[in-house]
Amino acid sequence: MTKPAVCPFCKGRMKIDYKDVPMLSRHISSQGKIVSRRRSRACAKHQRDLAQAVRRARYLALLPYSPTHIWKTGGVGLSRSTI
């Protein structure tokens, strides 16, 4: 018998914020899609919040929409010029 998956956001009392680009980029696949609940292990409430935060970050150009932008820049998140 396996243990049920525990939501990392419930367990760690983490807040989902659209400005937290490194955290959001971990929940985006290499094709630029938002990962599923099964892969992110988030509960339904936090998966909805996570998807909304990714959409807001994309709208504000904090995250890319398309995978071609990911391939050209070499990743998701902060650029080297801002570090």
Protein backbone atom coordinates (compact mmCIF):
# COMPACT_ATOMS: atom_id res chain seq x y z
CA MET A 1 0.00 0.00 0.00
CA THR A 2 1.40 3.38 -0.96
CA LYS A 3 1.09 6.60 0.99
CA PRO A 4 -1.18 9.25 -0.48
CA ALA A 5 0.59 12.20 -2.05
CA VAL A 6 0.67 15.26 0.16
CA CYS A 7 0.34 18.69 -1.41
CA PRO A 8 3.68 20.52 -1.00
CA PHE A 9 1.84 23.83 -0.68
CA CYS A 10 -0.37 22.56 2.17
CA LYS A 11 2.50 20.77 3.86
CA GLY A 12 4.97 23.64 3.74
CA ARG A 13 2.41 26.44 4.16
CA MET A 14 3.85 27.97 0.98
CA LYS A 15 2.14 30.90 -0.65
CA ILE A 16 1.68 30.85 -4.42
CA ASP A 17 2.68 34.22 -5.85
CA TYR A 18 2.93 35.24 -9.49
CA LYS A 19 6.13 37.18 -8.71
CA ASP A 20 7.97 34.06 -7.49
CA VAL A 21 9.37 33.11 -10.90
CA PRO A 22 11.80 30.36 -9.77
CA MET A 23 9.01 28.50 -7.98
CA LEU A 24 6.62 28.87 -10.92
CA SER A 25 9.24 27.76 -13.45
CA ARG A 26 9.53 24.42 -11.63
CA HIS A 27 5.86 23.83 -12.46
CA ILE A 28 6.24 24.41 -16.22
CA SER A 29 7.21 21.58 -18.57
CA SER A 30 9.90 21.79 -21.23
CA GLN A 31 7.14 22.45 -23.79
CA GLY A 32 6.05 25.50 -21.80
CA LYS A 33 2.88 23.90 -20.43
CA ILE A 34 1.64 23.98 -16.85
CA VAL A 35 2.28 20.57 -15.32
CA SER A 36 -0.62 18.39 -14.19
CA ARG A 37 -1.78 17.82 -10.64
CA ARG A 38 -0.34 14.35 -10.70
CA ARG A 39 3.13 15.63 -11.54
CA SER A 40 3.07 18.70 -9.29
CA ARG A 41 1.42 16.72 -6.45
CA ALA A 42 -0.72 19.75 -5.62
CA CYS A 43 -4.26 19.55 -4.29
CA ALA A 44 -7.09 20.90 -6.46
CA LYS A 45 -7.21 24.25 -4.67
CA HIS A 46 -3.48 24.90 -4.99
CA GLN A 47 -3.34 23.62 -8.59
CA ARG A 48 -5.95 26.25 -9.54
CA ASP A 49 -3.95 28.94 -7.71
CA LEU A 50 -0.73 27.74 -9.36
CA ALA A 51 -2.27 27.85 -12.85
CA GLN A 52 -3.63 31.35 -12.20
CA ALA A 53 -0.21 32.54 -10.98
CA VAL A 54 1.51 31.13 -14.09
CA ARG A 55 -1.04 32.86 -16.32
CA ARG A 56 -0.48 36.17 -14.55
CA ALA A 57 3.30 35.81 -14.75
CA ARG A 58 3.06 35.06 -18.48
CA TYR A 59 0.83 38.09 -19.02
CA LEU A 60 3.38 40.32 -17.29
CA ALA A 61 6.23 38.73 -19.32
CA LEU A 62 7.85 37.16 -16.28
CA LEU A 63 7.45 33.72 -17.86
CA PRO A 64 7.43 32.79 -21.57
CA TYR A 65 4.33 31.56 -23.38
CA SER A 66 6.00 29.42 -26.03
CA PRO A 67 8.73 26.78 -25.96
CA THR A 68 10.62 28.53 -28.77
CA HIS A 69 11.32 31.39 -26.39
CA ILE A 70 12.57 28.89 -23.81
CA TRP A 71 14.94 27.34 -26.35
CA LYS A 72 16.29 30.72 -27.48
CA THR A 73 16.90 32.09 -23.99
CA GLY A 74 18.13 28.81 -22.53
CA GLY A 75 15.62 28.51 -19.75
CA VAL A 76 12.77 29.93 -17.78
CA GLY A 77 13.17 32.64 -15.20
CA LEU A 78 15.61 35.44 -14.64
CA SER A 79 18.01 36.38 -17.40
CA ARG A 80 21.74 36.52 -16.81
CA SER A 81 21.83 40.31 -17.20
CA THR A 82 19.67 40.76 -14.07
CA ILE A 83 21.71 38.43 -11.88
